[in-house]
Each structure stands twice: as structure tokens, then as C-alpha cells.
Amino acid sequence: MDDDLNLDILQDQINYLSERIKNGKIKNVQNEELKIKWIKFLAYICKIHASIRKDKEVIEIREDIKNLKKYLQLND
């Protein structure tokens, strides 16, 4: 899978879990425990999402630097 697809999938899950956490009705202890697990999982996938975005940005910056170096070498 490529990074864009991974980011899209993670964003969909972040949105879904956020809605479930905000709108979920807690009727018993088991539901409360499940909601806590959802919150922990949401935090985990947000961390992964941010990491993938950061890695993607670093790759793009490296590519830009490489292109600038080529451009500067050609114009020297």
C-alpha cells in the first residue's frame, strides 16, 4: 500500500472512532471499558497517521533539495 492510501484509511478510522466516542451511549461498565479501548486505539492510530505524514513530508523535502542541487549545478 502506498502512503496516501494508508493516510486515507487511517483518517477514515480516526473520523469513525471520533464519532463513536463522542456519540456513544454508555449503559454499563462493559461499554465504558470498550469506550476506553476505543480512545486508546484512536490515540494510537493518530500517532501512526502523524508519523506517516511526517515521513512523507521528509521524503518530499529531500526530493526538493535534490532537485535544487541539480538546478544549481546546471546554472553554475
N, C-alpha and C. Protein backbone atom coordinates (compact mmCIF):
# COMPACT_ATOMS: atom_id res chain seq x y z
N MET A 1 0.84 -1.18 0.00
CA MET A 1 0.00 0.00 0.00
C MET A 1 0.88 1.25 0.00
N ASP A 2 0.43 2.26 -0.67
CA ASP A 2 1.21 3.49 -0.66
C ASP A 2 0.77 4.38 0.51
N ASP A 3 1.58 5.39 0.77
CA ASP A 3 1.34 6.25 1.92
C ASP A 3 0.01 6.99 1.84
N ASP A 4 -0.37 7.45 0.65
CA ASP A 4 -1.62 8.18 0.52
C ASP A 4 -2.82 7.31 0.88
N LEU A 5 -2.80 6.06 0.43
CA LEU A 5 -3.88 5.14 0.75
C LEU A 5 -3.90 4.86 2.25
N ASN A 6 -2.73 4.63 2.83
CA ASN A 6 -2.65 4.41 4.28
C ASN A 6 -3.20 5.61 5.04
N LEU A 7 -2.83 6.80 4.61
CA LEU A 7 -3.32 8.01 5.28
C LEU A 7 -4.84 8.12 5.16
N ASP A 8 -5.37 7.81 3.99
CA ASP A 8 -6.83 7.86 3.80
C ASP A 8 -7.55 6.87 4.70
N ILE A 9 -7.03 5.65 4.77
CA ILE A 9 -7.63 4.62 5.60
C ILE A 9 -7.58 5.03 7.07
N LEU A 10 -6.42 5.50 7.51
CA LEU A 10 -6.29 5.93 8.90
C LEU A 10 -7.21 7.11 9.19
N GLN A 11 -7.31 8.06 8.27
CA GLN A 11 -8.19 9.21 8.51
C GLN A 11 -9.64 8.78 8.61
N ASP A 12 -10.06 7.83 7.79
CA ASP A 12 -11.42 7.30 7.88
C ASP A 12 -11.68 6.67 9.25
N GLN A 13 -10.72 5.91 9.72
CA GLN A 13 -10.87 5.27 11.03
C GLN A 13 -10.85 6.30 12.16
N ILE A 14 -10.02 7.32 12.03
CA ILE A 14 -9.98 8.38 13.04
C ILE A 14 -11.35 9.07 13.10
N ASN A 15 -11.91 9.38 11.95
CA ASN A 15 -13.23 10.02 11.91
C ASN A 15 -14.30 9.12 12.51
N TYR A 16 -14.28 7.84 12.13
CA TYR A 16 -15.27 6.89 12.64
C TYR A 16 -15.19 6.76 14.16
N LEU A 17 -13.98 6.54 14.66
CA LEU A 17 -13.82 6.36 16.11
C LEU A 17 -14.15 7.64 16.86
N SER A 18 -13.79 8.76 16.31
CA SER A 18 -14.11 10.03 16.97
C SER A 18 -15.62 10.19 17.14
N GLU A 19 -16.36 9.87 16.09
CA GLU A 19 -17.82 9.95 16.17
C GLU A 19 -18.39 8.95 17.17
N ARG A 20 -17.88 7.74 17.14
CA ARG A 20 -18.36 6.71 18.08
C ARG A 20 -18.09 7.11 19.52
N ILE A 21 -16.92 7.69 19.75
CA ILE A 21 -16.56 8.09 21.12
C ILE A 21 -17.44 9.26 21.57
N LYS A 22 -17.65 10.23 20.68
CA LYS A 22 -18.45 11.40 21.05
C LYS A 22 -19.93 11.05 21.24
N ASN A 23 -20.45 10.21 20.37
CA ASN A 23 -21.89 9.96 20.35
C ASN A 23 -22.32 8.64 21.00
N GLY A 24 -21.36 7.84 21.43
CA GLY A 24 -21.72 6.55 22.02
C GLY A 24 -22.38 6.71 23.37
N LYS A 25 -23.41 5.91 23.59
CA LYS A 25 -24.12 5.94 24.87
C LYS A 25 -23.59 4.82 25.75
N ILE A 26 -23.25 5.17 26.95
CA ILE A 26 -22.70 4.18 27.89
C ILE A 26 -23.82 3.74 28.82
N LYS A 27 -24.15 2.46 28.76
CA LYS A 27 -25.23 1.93 29.58
C LYS A 27 -24.74 1.00 30.67
N ASN A 28 -23.49 0.55 30.52
CA ASN A 28 -22.97 -0.35 31.55
C ASN A 28 -21.44 -0.28 31.58
N VAL A 29 -20.87 -1.00 32.51
CA VAL A 29 -19.41 -0.97 32.70
C VAL A 29 -18.68 -1.51 31.48
N GLN A 30 -19.22 -2.54 30.85
CA GLN A 30 -18.57 -3.11 29.67
C GLN A 30 -18.48 -2.09 28.54
N ASN A 31 -19.52 -1.30 28.36
CA ASN A 31 -19.48 -0.27 27.33
C ASN A 31 -18.46 0.81 27.68
N GLU A 32 -18.34 1.12 28.96
CA GLU A 32 -17.34 2.10 29.40
C GLU A 32 -15.94 1.57 29.11
N GLU A 33 -15.69 0.31 29.38
CA GLU A 33 -14.39 -0.30 29.10
C GLU A 33 -14.10 -0.29 27.60
N LEU A 34 -15.12 -0.57 26.80
CA LEU A 34 -14.96 -0.55 25.35
C LEU A 34 -14.63 0.86 24.87
N LYS A 35 -15.31 1.86 25.42
CA LYS A 35 -15.05 3.24 25.04
C LYS A 35 -13.61 3.63 25.38
N ILE A 36 -13.11 3.20 26.51
CA ILE A 36 -11.73 3.47 26.89
C ILE A 36 -10.77 2.83 25.89
N LYS A 37 -11.07 1.61 25.45
CA LYS A 37 -10.23 0.94 24.45
C LYS A 37 -10.27 1.70 23.13
N TRP A 38 -11.45 2.19 22.75
CA TRP A 38 -11.56 2.98 21.52
C TRP A 38 -10.69 4.23 21.60
N ILE A 39 -10.73 4.90 22.73
CA ILE A 39 -9.94 6.11 22.91
C ILE A 39 -8.45 5.80 22.80
N LYS A 40 -8.02 4.72 23.43
CA LYS A 40 -6.60 4.33 23.35
C LYS A 40 -6.23 3.99 21.91
N PHE A 41 -7.10 3.27 21.22
CA PHE A 41 -6.83 2.90 19.82
C PHE A 41 -6.82 4.15 18.94
N LEU A 42 -7.73 5.08 19.20
CA LEU A 42 -7.76 6.33 18.45
C LEU A 42 -6.45 7.08 18.61
N ALA A 43 -5.95 7.16 19.82
CA ALA A 43 -4.66 7.82 20.07
C ALA A 43 -3.54 7.12 19.31
N TYR A 44 -3.58 5.80 19.30
CA TYR A 44 -2.56 5.01 18.61
C TYR A 44 -2.58 5.28 17.11
N ILE A 45 -3.77 5.25 16.49
CA ILE A 45 -3.80 5.45 15.03
C ILE A 45 -3.53 6.90 14.67
N CYS A 46 -3.85 7.84 15.55
CA CYS A 46 -3.48 9.24 15.29
C CYS A 46 -1.96 9.38 15.25
N LYS A 47 -1.30 8.67 16.15
CA LYS A 47 0.17 8.71 16.19
C LYS A 47 0.75 8.12 14.90
N ILE A 48 0.20 7.01 14.44
CA ILE A 48 0.66 6.39 13.20
C ILE A 48 0.40 7.33 12.02
N HIS A 49 -0.77 7.91 11.98
CA HIS A 49 -1.15 8.84 10.91
C HIS A 49 -0.15 9.99 10.85
N ALA A 50 0.15 10.58 11.99
CA ALA A 50 1.09 11.70 12.04
C ALA A 50 2.49 11.26 11.60
N SER A 51 2.89 10.06 11.98
CA SER A 51 4.21 9.54 11.62
C SER A 51 4.32 9.35 10.10
N ILE A 52 3.29 8.79 9.50
CA ILE A 52 3.31 8.59 8.04
C ILE A 52 3.35 9.93 7.32
N ARG A 53 2.54 10.89 7.79
CA ARG A 53 2.56 12.23 7.17
C ARG A 53 3.94 12.86 7.29
N LYS A 54 4.55 12.74 8.45
CA LYS A 54 5.88 13.31 8.67
C LYS A 54 6.90 12.66 7.73
N ASP A 55 6.87 11.33 7.66
CA ASP A 55 7.79 10.61 6.77
C ASP A 55 7.60 11.04 5.32
N LYS A 56 6.35 11.19 4.92
CA LYS A 56 6.06 11.60 3.55
C LYS A 56 6.60 13.01 3.28
N GLU A 57 6.43 13.90 4.24
CA GLU A 57 6.94 15.27 4.07
C GLU A 57 8.47 15.28 4.00
N VAL A 58 9.12 14.46 4.79
CA VAL A 58 10.58 14.38 4.76
C VAL A 58 11.05 13.90 3.40
N ILE A 59 10.40 12.91 2.86
CA ILE A 59 10.76 12.40 1.53
C ILE A 59 10.58 13.49 0.48
N GLU A 60 9.47 14.24 0.57
CA GLU A 60 9.23 15.32 -0.39
C GLU A 60 10.28 16.42 -0.26
N ILE A 61 10.67 16.75 0.96
CA ILE A 61 11.70 17.77 1.17
C ILE A 61 13.04 17.31 0.60
N ARG A 62 13.37 16.05 0.83
CA ARG A 62 14.62 15.51 0.28
C ARG A 62 14.63 15.59 -1.24
N GLU A 63 13.49 15.28 -1.84
CA GLU A 63 13.37 15.34 -3.29
C GLU A 63 13.53 16.78 -3.78
N ASP A 64 12.93 17.71 -3.07
CA ASP A 64 13.07 19.13 -3.42
C ASP A 64 14.53 19.58 -3.33
N ILE A 65 15.20 19.17 -2.28
CA ILE A 65 16.62 19.53 -2.11
C ILE A 65 17.45 18.94 -3.24
N LYS A 66 17.18 17.71 -3.58
CA LYS A 66 17.90 17.05 -4.67
C LYS A 66 17.69 17.81 -5.98
N ASN A 67 16.47 18.21 -6.25
CA ASN A 67 16.16 18.96 -7.47
C ASN A 67 16.82 20.34 -7.46
N LEU A 68 16.85 21.00 -6.32
CA LEU A 68 17.52 22.30 -6.21
C LEU A 68 19.02 22.17 -6.45
N LYS A 69 19.62 21.13 -5.90
CA LYS A 69 21.05 20.91 -6.11
C LYS A 69 21.34 20.72 -7.60
N LYS A 70 20.51 19.93 -8.28
CA LYS A 70 20.69 19.72 -9.72
C LYS A 70 20.55 21.04 -10.47
N TYR A 71 19.57 21.82 -10.10
CA TYR A 71 19.34 23.10 -10.76
C TYR A 71 20.53 24.03 -10.55
N LEU A 72 21.03 24.11 -9.33
CA LEU A 72 22.18 24.97 -9.03
C LEU A 72 23.44 24.52 -9.75
N GLN A 73 23.63 23.22 -9.87
CA GLN A 73 24.80 22.70 -10.58
C GLN A 73 24.72 23.05 -12.07
N LEU A 74 23.55 23.00 -12.63
CA LEU A 74 23.38 23.31 -14.05
C LEU A 74 23.59 24.80 -14.32
N ASN A 75 23.31 25.63 -13.34
CA ASN A 75 23.41 27.08 -13.54
C ASN A 75 24.73 27.67 -13.03
N ASP A 76 25.66 26.84 -12.65
CA ASP A 76 26.98 27.34 -12.20
C ASP A 76 27.92 27.51 -13.35
